[in-house]
Amino acid sequence: MSYKQRRRPRRAEAAKVEPREPFRLDPFQEEAFKEIEEGNNVLVAAPTGTGKTLIAEMLIKRVLAAGQGVVYTSPIKALSNQKYRDFSGEFGKEKVGLITGDVSVNERAPLLVMTTEIFRNWCFANPEMLQHTTHVIFDELHYLDDIERGTAWEESIIFAPVHMRIVGLSATVPNSRELASWIADVREQPVKVIEERRRAVPLELQWISPEGGVHDEESAREHIKQIGERRRGRWSSFQENSVETGL
């Protein structure tokens, strides 16, 4: 058969991809957003990977659609840079600004990503820049308990303009209701606590031996026992040899 006579095999028809239904929010996400829509300050305490950031994204989308502003604060510059990239891709670069001290990009944007220290400074020095900002989102709110930097979170919460509502997100706040009570006192506004204890990504503790093996607790204990027995055996042998050689 000549080249011209060869026929390319027919491609199998691609399987039709059924449209995916919109995913359903978890009850704690629905409850948190309901409280936000009702104009309340909200503290969300939920394990890592459960979907706290989605609550922030829903709030941001709502605020931007209303033609207003929102601030998203994070504890470190690297996380602020990451959120800036994420939000720029999701909401459009023209709507997102980044202010970290080292970098200032589009600081008149309706969605501003900044470190908490920068937001604290704005509350003191540039409150007029926050006139049309309805919410401030504190990611990793448990940094409030940090000995060296916690005052930035305290002062931000205390001195944020009265018209702004606070949304706090954290996976490791052990006393969320006590914290919410303090925020309610200093803001003179109610704070709703939303807690989710179910962990979407289960945590499993495992141990790595010096040889590189991975063990569960039972296996790790047995491995440690064997190492101890081998070391005691070598020590006993060393002592016996020392006696025989007169060392």
C-alpha atoms as a PDB file:
ATOM      1  CA  MET A   1       0.000   0.000   0.000  1.00  0.00           C
ATOM      2  CA  SER A   2       1.421   3.358  -1.021  1.00  0.00           C
ATOM      3  CA  TYR A   3       1.681   6.314   1.335  1.00  0.00           C
ATOM      4  CA  LYS A   4      -1.270   8.001  -0.347  1.00  0.00           C
ATOM      5  CA  GLN A   5      -3.402   4.941   0.158  1.00  0.00           C
ATOM      6  CA  ARG A   6      -2.732   4.699   3.859  1.00  0.00           C
ATOM      7  CA  ARG A   7      -5.548   5.784   6.045  1.00  0.00           C
ATOM      8  CA  ARG A   8      -5.141   7.254   9.455  1.00  0.00           C
ATOM      9  CA  PRO A   9      -7.070   5.360  12.097  1.00  0.00           C
ATOM     10  CA  ARG A  10     -10.275   7.058  13.095  1.00  0.00           C
ATOM     11  CA  ARG A  11     -10.061   8.826  16.393  1.00  0.00           C
ATOM     12  CA  ALA A  12     -12.385   7.546  19.024  1.00  0.00           C
ATOM     13  CA  GLU A  13     -15.052  10.072  19.855  1.00  0.00           C
ATOM     14  CA  ALA A  14     -14.253  11.939  23.018  1.00  0.00           C
ATOM     15  CA  ALA A  15     -16.523  11.047  25.872  1.00  0.00           C
ATOM     16  CA  LYS A  16     -19.022  13.765  26.558  1.00  0.00           C
ATOM     17  CA  VAL A  17     -18.271  15.611  29.735  1.00  0.00           C
ATOM     18  CA  GLU A  18     -21.373  16.113  31.782  1.00  0.00           C
ATOM     19  CA  PRO A  19     -21.618  19.598  33.298  1.00  0.00           C
ATOM     20  CA  ARG A  20     -20.778  19.550  36.978  1.00  0.00           C
ATOM     21  CA  GLU A  21     -23.361  20.795  39.389  1.00  0.00           C
ATOM     22  CA  PRO A  22     -22.328  23.687  41.649  1.00  0.00           C
ATOM     23  CA  PHE A  23     -20.825  22.314  44.834  1.00  0.00           C
ATOM     24  CA  ARG A  24     -22.784  22.701  48.030  1.00  0.00           C
ATOM     25  CA  LEU A  25     -21.473  24.781  50.886  1.00  0.00           C
ATOM     26  CA  ASP A  26     -20.870  23.127  54.217  1.00  0.00           C
ATOM     27  CA  PRO A  27     -23.286  24.188  56.963  1.00  0.00           C
ATOM     28  CA  PHE A  28     -20.626  26.225  58.786  1.00  0.00           C
ATOM     29  CA  GLN A  29     -19.837  28.138  55.567  1.00  0.00           C
ATOM     30  CA  GLU A  30     -23.500  28.881  54.998  1.00  0.00           C
ATOM     31  CA  GLU A  31     -23.925  30.024  58.593  1.00  0.00           C
ATOM     32  CA  ALA A  32     -20.844  32.259  58.464  1.00  0.00           C
ATOM     33  CA  PHE A  33     -21.894  33.952  55.242  1.00  0.00           C
ATOM     34  CA  LYS A  34     -25.438  34.437  56.541  1.00  0.00           C
ATOM     35  CA  GLU A  35     -24.073  36.251  59.591  1.00  0.00           C
ATOM     36  CA  ILE A  36     -21.818  38.382  57.377  1.00  0.00           C
ATOM     37  CA  GLU A  37     -24.743  39.336  55.145  1.00  0.00           C
ATOM     38  CA  GLU A  38     -26.695  40.371  58.237  1.00  0.00           C
ATOM     39  CA  GLY A  39     -23.950  42.865  59.051  1.00  0.00           C
ATOM     40  CA  ASN A  40     -22.312  41.047  61.953  1.00  0.00           C
ATOM     41  CA  ASN A  41     -18.673  40.666  62.888  1.00  0.00           C
ATOM     42  CA  VAL A  42     -17.738  37.015  62.471  1.00  0.00           C
ATOM     43  CA  LEU A  43     -15.018  34.774  63.879  1.00  0.00           C
ATOM     44  CA  VAL A  44     -14.572  31.497  62.004  1.00  0.00           C
ATOM     45  CA  ALA A  45     -12.610  28.738  63.728  1.00  0.00           C
ATOM     46  CA  ALA A  46     -12.159  25.685  61.518  1.00  0.00           C
ATOM     47  CA  PRO A  47      -9.378  23.170  60.797  1.00  0.00           C
ATOM     48  CA  THR A  48      -6.944  23.726  57.951  1.00  0.00           C
ATOM     49  CA  GLY A  49      -8.309  22.579  54.605  1.00  0.00           C
ATOM     50  CA  THR A  50     -11.953  22.872  55.664  1.00  0.00           C
ATOM     51  CA  GLY A  51     -12.782  25.909  53.535  1.00  0.00           C
ATOM     52  CA  LYS A  52     -12.367  29.096  55.543  1.00  0.00           C
ATOM     53  CA  THR A  53     -10.890  30.963  52.583  1.00  0.00           C
ATOM     54  CA  LEU A  54     -14.041  30.314  50.557  1.00  0.00           C
ATOM     55  CA  ILE A  55     -15.991  32.397  53.086  1.00  0.00           C
ATOM     56  CA  ALA A  56     -13.573  35.275  52.505  1.00  0.00           C
ATOM     57  CA  GLU A  57     -13.857  34.895  48.729  1.00  0.00           C
ATOM     58  CA  MET A  58     -17.668  34.958  48.887  1.00  0.00           C
ATOM     59  CA  LEU A  59     -17.537  38.115  50.987  1.00  0.00           C
ATOM     60  CA  ILE A  60     -15.051  39.773  48.607  1.00  0.00           C
ATOM     61  CA  LYS A  61     -17.231  38.954  45.595  1.00  0.00           C
ATOM     62  CA  ARG A  62     -20.268  40.455  47.347  1.00  0.00           C
ATOM     63  CA  VAL A  63     -18.426  43.642  48.365  1.00  0.00           C
ATOM     64  CA  LEU A  64     -16.921  44.205  44.914  1.00  0.00           C
ATOM     65  CA  ALA A  65     -20.304  43.668  43.262  1.00  0.00           C
ATOM     66  CA  ALA A  66     -21.698  46.412  45.509  1.00  0.00           C
ATOM     67  CA  GLY A  67     -18.949  48.803  44.391  1.00  0.00           C
ATOM     68  CA  GLN A  68     -17.359  48.955  47.842  1.00  0.00           C
ATOM     69  CA  GLY A  69     -13.992  48.050  49.314  1.00  0.00           C
ATOM     70  CA  VAL A  70     -12.528  45.256  51.435  1.00  0.00           C
ATOM     71  CA  VAL A  71      -9.136  44.677  53.071  1.00  0.00           C
ATOM     72  CA  TYR A  72      -7.555  41.230  53.364  1.00  0.00           C
ATOM     73  CA  THR A  73      -4.729  41.063  55.900  1.00  0.00           C
ATOM     74  CA  SER A  74      -2.190  38.286  56.376  1.00  0.00           C
ATOM     75  CA  PRO A  75       0.612  37.836  58.916  1.00  0.00           C
ATOM     76  CA  ILE A  76       3.531  37.548  56.486  1.00  0.00           C
ATOM     77  CA  LYS A  77       4.580  39.175  53.215  1.00  0.00           C
ATOM     78  CA  ALA A  78       4.918  35.872  51.374  1.00  0.00           C
ATOM     79  CA  LEU A  79       1.294  34.985  52.098  1.00  0.00           C
ATOM     80  CA  SER A  80       0.195  38.489  51.092  1.00  0.00           C
ATOM     81  CA  ASN A  81       2.007  38.072  47.760  1.00  0.00           C
ATOM     82  CA  GLN A  82       0.343  34.706  47.229  1.00  0.00           C
ATOM     83  CA  LYS A  83      -3.130  36.083  47.991  1.00  0.00           C
ATOM     84  CA  TYR A  84      -2.502  39.005  45.657  1.00  0.00           C
ATOM     85  CA  ARG A  85      -1.740  36.591  42.814  1.00  0.00           C
ATOM     86  CA  ASP A  86      -4.744  34.398  43.652  1.00  0.00           C
ATOM     87  CA  PHE A  87      -7.195  37.278  43.923  1.00  0.00           C
ATOM     88  CA  SER A  88      -5.824  38.978  40.799  1.00  0.00           C
ATOM     89  CA  GLY A  89      -6.538  35.817  38.853  1.00  0.00           C
ATOM     90  CA  GLU A  90     -10.001  35.463  40.329  1.00  0.00           C
ATOM     91  CA  PHE A  91     -11.288  39.045  40.440  1.00  0.00           C
ATOM     92  CA  GLY A  92      -9.087  40.815  37.888  1.00  0.00           C
ATOM     93  CA  LYS A  93      -5.772  42.552  38.418  1.00  0.00           C
ATOM     94  CA  GLU A  94      -7.307  46.006  38.154  1.00  0.00           C
ATOM     95  CA  LYS A  95      -9.455  45.338  41.224  1.00  0.00           C
ATOM     96  CA  VAL A  96      -6.676  44.116  43.517  1.00  0.00           C
ATOM     97  CA  GLY A  97      -3.907  46.034  45.276  1.00  0.00           C
ATOM     98  CA  LEU A  98      -0.936  44.857  47.344  1.00  0.00           C
ATOM     99  CA  ILE A  99       0.723  46.792  50.171  1.00  0.00           C
ATOM    100  CA  THR A 100       3.388  45.105  52.285  1.00  0.00           C
ATOM    101  CA  GLY A 101       5.890  47.847  53.102  1.00  0.00           C
ATOM    102  CA  ASP A 102       8.311  46.564  50.478  1.00  0.00           C
ATOM    103  CA  VAL A 103       5.745  46.746  47.683  1.00  0.00           C
ATOM    104  CA  SER A 104       2.854  49.070  46.937  1.00  0.00           C
ATOM    105  CA  VAL A 105       0.713  48.133  43.932  1.00  0.00           C
ATOM    106  CA  ASN A 106      -2.609  49.697  42.954  1.00  0.00           C
ATOM    107  CA  GLU A 107      -3.332  51.003  46.448  1.00  0.00           C
ATOM    108  CA  ARG A 108      -6.595  52.601  45.285  1.00  0.00           C
ATOM    109  CA  ALA A 109      -8.049  49.219  44.320  1.00  0.00           C
ATOM    110  CA  PRO A 110     -11.299  48.115  45.999  1.00  0.00           C
ATOM    111  CA  LEU A 111      -9.649  44.894  47.232  1.00  0.00           C
ATOM    112  CA  LEU A 112      -6.443  45.538  49.144  1.00  0.00           C
ATOM    113  CA  VAL A 113      -4.155  42.784  50.362  1.00  0.00           C
ATOM    114  CA  MET A 114      -1.775  43.905  53.087  1.00  0.00           C
ATOM    115  CA  THR A 115       0.091  42.756  56.155  1.00  0.00           C
ATOM    116  CA  THR A 116      -1.655  43.381  59.448  1.00  0.00           C
ATOM    117  CA  GLU A 117       0.956  45.940  60.495  1.00  0.00           C
ATOM    118  CA  ILE A 118       0.205  48.003  57.389  1.00  0.00           C
ATOM    119  CA  PHE A 119      -3.522  47.916  58.123  1.00  0.00           C
ATOM    120  CA  ARG A 120      -2.856  48.988  61.711  1.00  0.00           C
ATOM    121  CA  ASN A 121      -0.809  51.915  60.413  1.00  0.00           C
ATOM    122  CA  TRP A 122      -3.588  52.916  58.028  1.00  0.00           C
ATOM    123  CA  CYS A 123      -6.083  52.981  60.904  1.00  0.00           C
ATOM    124  CA  PHE A 124      -3.902  55.631  62.569  1.00  0.00           C
ATOM    125  CA  ALA A 125      -2.402  57.567  59.657  1.00  0.00           C
ATOM    126  CA  ASN A 126      -4.747  57.076  56.690  1.00  0.00           C
ATOM    127  CA  PRO A 127      -8.271  56.430  58.007  1.00  0.00           C
ATOM    128  CA  GLU A 128      -9.703  58.412  55.089  1.00  0.00           C
ATOM    129  CA  MET A 129      -8.404  55.665  52.764  1.00  0.00           C
ATOM    130  CA  LEU A 130     -10.845  53.286  54.478  1.00  0.00           C
ATOM    131  CA  GLN A 131     -14.003  55.376  54.138  1.00  0.00           C
ATOM    132  CA  HIS A 132     -15.507  53.101  51.478  1.00  0.00           C
ATOM    133  CA  THR A 133     -14.085  49.874  52.922  1.00  0.00           C
ATOM    134  CA  THR A 134     -16.830  47.831  54.544  1.00  0.00           C
ATOM    135  CA  HIS A 135     -14.886  44.819  55.847  1.00  0.00           C
ATOM    136  CA  VAL A 136     -11.453  43.768  57.017  1.00  0.00           C
ATOM    137  CA  ILE A 137     -10.564  40.070  56.877  1.00  0.00           C
ATOM    138  CA  PHE A 138      -7.923  38.880  59.324  1.00  0.00           C
ATOM    139  CA  ASP A 139      -6.351  35.667  58.061  1.00  0.00           C
ATOM    140  CA  GLU A 140      -4.521  33.637  60.745  1.00  0.00           C
ATOM    141  CA  LEU A 141      -6.168  35.627  63.529  1.00  0.00           C
ATOM    142  CA  HIS A 142      -4.410  33.496  66.167  1.00  0.00           C
ATOM    143  CA  TYR A 143      -1.309  35.683  65.622  1.00  0.00           C
ATOM    144  CA  LEU A 144      -3.048  38.006  68.076  1.00  0.00           C
ATOM    145  CA  ASP A 145      -1.529  35.754  70.743  1.00  0.00           C
ATOM    146  CA  ASP A 146       2.014  36.254  69.404  1.00  0.00           C
ATOM    147  CA  ILE A 147       4.181  37.847  72.091  1.00  0.00           C
ATOM    148  CA  GLU A 148       6.161  40.050  69.703  1.00  0.00           C
ATOM    149  CA  ARG A 149       3.590  40.921  67.029  1.00  0.00           C
ATOM    150  CA  GLY A 150       0.212  40.387  68.652  1.00  0.00           C
ATOM    151  CA  THR A 151      -0.240  44.076  69.421  1.00  0.00           C
ATOM    152  CA  ALA A 152      -0.645  44.771  65.689  1.00  0.00           C
ATOM    153  CA  TRP A 153      -3.774  42.603  65.670  1.00  0.00           C
ATOM    154  CA  GLU A 154      -5.046  44.070  68.938  1.00  0.00           C
ATOM    155  CA  GLU A 155      -4.656  47.657  67.757  1.00  0.00           C
ATOM    156  CA  SER A 156      -6.101  46.863  64.343  1.00  0.00           C
ATOM    157  CA  ILE A 157      -9.239  45.460  65.926  1.00  0.00           C
ATOM    158  CA  ILE A 158      -9.534  48.284  68.458  1.00  0.00           C
ATOM    159  CA  PHE A 159      -8.868  51.188  66.077  1.00  0.00           C
ATOM    160  CA  ALA A 160     -10.402  49.965  62.810  1.00  0.00           C
ATOM    161  CA  PRO A 161     -13.055  52.498  61.691  1.00  0.00           C
ATOM    162  CA  VAL A 162     -16.384  51.900  63.398  1.00  0.00           C
ATOM    163  CA  HIS A 163     -18.248  51.358  60.125  1.00  0.00           C
ATOM    164  CA  MET A 164     -16.017  48.397  59.184  1.00  0.00           C
ATOM    165  CA  ARG A 165     -16.988  44.842  60.030  1.00  0.00           C
ATOM    166  CA  ILE A 166     -14.405  42.271  61.085  1.00  0.00           C
ATOM    167  CA  VAL A 167     -14.107  38.725  59.746  1.00  0.00           C
ATOM    168  CA  GLY A 168     -11.495  36.641  61.549  1.00  0.00           C
ATOM    169  CA  LEU A 169     -10.241  33.307  60.213  1.00  0.00           C
ATOM    170  CA  SER A 170      -8.151  30.815  62.153  1.00  0.00           C
ATOM    171  CA  ALA A 171      -7.520  27.108  62.468  1.00  0.00           C
ATOM    172  CA  THR A 172      -5.823  27.240  65.860  1.00  0.00           C
ATOM    173  CA  VAL A 173      -7.769  29.601  68.128  1.00  0.00           C
ATOM    174  CA  PRO A 174      -8.369  27.530  71.294  1.00  0.00           C
ATOM    175  CA  ASN A 175     -10.548  30.137  73.017  1.00  0.00           C
ATOM    176  CA  SER A 176     -12.620  31.476  70.139  1.00  0.00           C
ATOM    177  CA  ARG A 177     -15.590  32.495  72.303  1.00  0.00           C
ATOM    178  CA  GLU A 178     -13.410  34.336  74.791  1.00  0.00           C
ATOM    179  CA  LEU A 179     -11.723  36.159  71.902  1.00  0.00           C
ATOM    180  CA  ALA A 180     -15.080  37.006  70.347  1.00  0.00           C
ATOM    181  CA  SER A 181     -16.275  38.406  73.674  1.00  0.00           C
ATOM    182  CA  TRP A 182     -13.220  40.688  73.840  1.00  0.00           C
ATOM    183  CA  ILE A 183     -13.761  41.917  70.258  1.00  0.00           C
ATOM    184  CA  ALA A 184     -17.422  42.582  71.041  1.00  0.00           C
ATOM    185  CA  ASP A 185     -16.409  44.634  74.088  1.00  0.00           C
ATOM    186  CA  VAL A 186     -13.823  46.812  72.355  1.00  0.00           C
ATOM    187  CA  ARG A 187     -15.909  47.267  69.199  1.00  0.00           C
ATOM    188  CA  GLU A 188     -19.202  47.602  71.062  1.00  0.00           C
ATOM    189  CA  GLN A 189     -20.719  45.349  68.414  1.00  0.00           C
ATOM    190  CA  PRO A 190     -21.870  41.711  68.497  1.00  0.00           C
ATOM    191  CA  VAL A 191     -19.495  39.038  67.221  1.00  0.00           C
ATOM    192  CA  LYS A 192     -20.784  35.706  65.960  1.00  0.00           C
ATOM    193  CA  VAL A 193     -18.605  32.626  66.448  1.00  0.00           C
ATOM    194  CA  ILE A 194     -18.750  29.911  63.794  1.00  0.00           C
ATOM    195  CA  GLU A 195     -16.922  26.711  64.706  1.00  0.00           C
ATOM    196  CA  GLU A 196     -16.292  23.640  62.589  1.00  0.00           C
ATOM    197  CA  ARG A 197     -14.594  20.702  64.268  1.00  0.00           C
ATOM    198  CA  ARG A 198     -14.740  18.201  61.419  1.00  0.00           C
ATOM    199  CA  ARG A 199     -11.360  17.905  59.741  1.00  0.00           C
ATOM    200  CA  ALA A 200     -11.590  17.552  55.968  1.00  0.00           C
ATOM    201  CA  VAL A 201      -7.948  16.451  55.743  1.00  0.00           C
ATOM    202  CA  PRO A 202      -7.333  13.870  58.495  1.00  0.00           C
ATOM    203  CA  LEU A 203      -4.122  14.175  60.480  1.00  0.00           C
ATOM    204  CA  GLU A 204      -2.067  11.037  61.003  1.00  0.00           C
ATOM    205  CA  LEU A 205       0.989  10.959  63.217  1.00  0.00           C
ATOM    206  CA  GLN A 206       3.895   8.933  61.880  1.00  0.00           C
ATOM    207  CA  TRP A 207       7.539   8.611  62.853  1.00  0.00           C
ATOM    208  CA  ILE A 208      10.598   8.430  60.635  1.00  0.00           C
ATOM    209  CA  SER A 209      13.454   6.264  61.851  1.00  0.00           C
ATOM    210  CA  PRO A 210      17.156   7.159  61.346  1.00  0.00           C
ATOM    211  CA  GLU A 211      17.192   4.595  58.528  1.00  0.00           C
ATOM    212  CA  GLY A 212      14.362   6.391  56.741  1.00  0.00           C
ATOM    213  CA  GLY A 213      11.551   3.996  57.598  1.00  0.00           C
ATOM    214  CA  VAL A 214       8.044   5.311  58.321  1.00  0.00           C
ATOM    215  CA  HIS A 215       6.257   3.923  61.379  1.00  0.00           C
ATOM    216  CA  ASP A 216       2.949   4.249  63.157  1.00  0.00           C
ATOM    217  CA  GLU A 217       3.042   4.592  66.951  1.00  0.00           C
ATOM    218  CA  GLU A 218       3.109   0.873  67.706  1.00  0.00           C
ATOM    219  CA  SER A 219       5.773   0.177  65.118  1.00  0.00           C
ATOM    220  CA  ALA A 220       7.816   3.195  66.263  1.00  0.00           C
ATOM    221  CA  ARG A 221       7.798   2.021  69.889  1.00  0.00           C
ATOM    222  CA  GLU A 222       8.935  -1.444  68.837  1.00  0.00           C
ATOM    223  CA  HIS A 223      11.662   0.038  66.630  1.00  0.00           C
ATOM    224  CA  ILE A 224      12.935   2.221  69.499  1.00  0.00           C
ATOM    225  CA  LYS A 225      12.936  -0.817  71.780  1.00  0.00           C
ATOM    226  CA  GLN A 226      15.009  -2.798  69.277  1.00  0.00           C
ATOM    227  CA  ILE A 227      17.492   0.063  68.887  1.00  0.00           C
ATOM    228  CA  GLY A 228      17.862   0.243  72.669  1.00  0.00           C
ATOM    229  CA  GLU A 229      18.443  -3.506  72.915  1.00  0.00           C
ATOM    230  CA  ARG A 230      21.088  -3.401  70.174  1.00  0.00           C
ATOM    231  CA  ARG A 231      22.890  -0.516  71.874  1.00  0.00           C
ATOM    232  CA  ARG A 232      22.827  -2.256  75.258  1.00  0.00           C
ATOM    233  CA  GLY A 233      24.138  -5.388  73.576  1.00  0.00           C
ATOM    234  CA  ARG A 234      27.025  -3.488  71.996  1.00  0.00           C
ATOM    235  CA  TRP A 235      27.787  -1.759  75.314  1.00  0.00           C
ATOM    236  CA  SER A 236      27.850  -5.112  77.183  1.00  0.00           C
ATOM    237  CA  SER A 237      30.140  -6.579  74.542  1.00  0.00           C
ATOM    238  CA  PHE A 238      32.442  -3.544  74.795  1.00  0.00           C
ATOM    239  CA  GLN A 239      32.629  -3.889  78.605  1.00  0.00           C
ATOM    240  CA  GLU A 240      33.441  -7.613  78.362  1.00  0.00           C
ATOM    241  CA  ASN A 241      36.214  -6.973  75.839  1.00  0.00           C
ATOM    242  CA  SER A 242      37.602  -4.174  78.030  1.00  0.00           C
ATOM    243  CA  VAL A 243      37.851  -6.527  81.014  1.00  0.00           C
ATOM    244  CA  GLU A 244      39.546  -9.257  78.951  1.00  0.00           C
ATOM    245  CA  THR A 245      42.113  -6.850  77.489  1.00  0.00           C
ATOM    246  CA  GLY A 246      42.715  -5.043  80.768  1.00  0.00           C
ATOM    247  CA  LEU A 247      41.517  -1.671  79.515  1.00  0.00           C
END
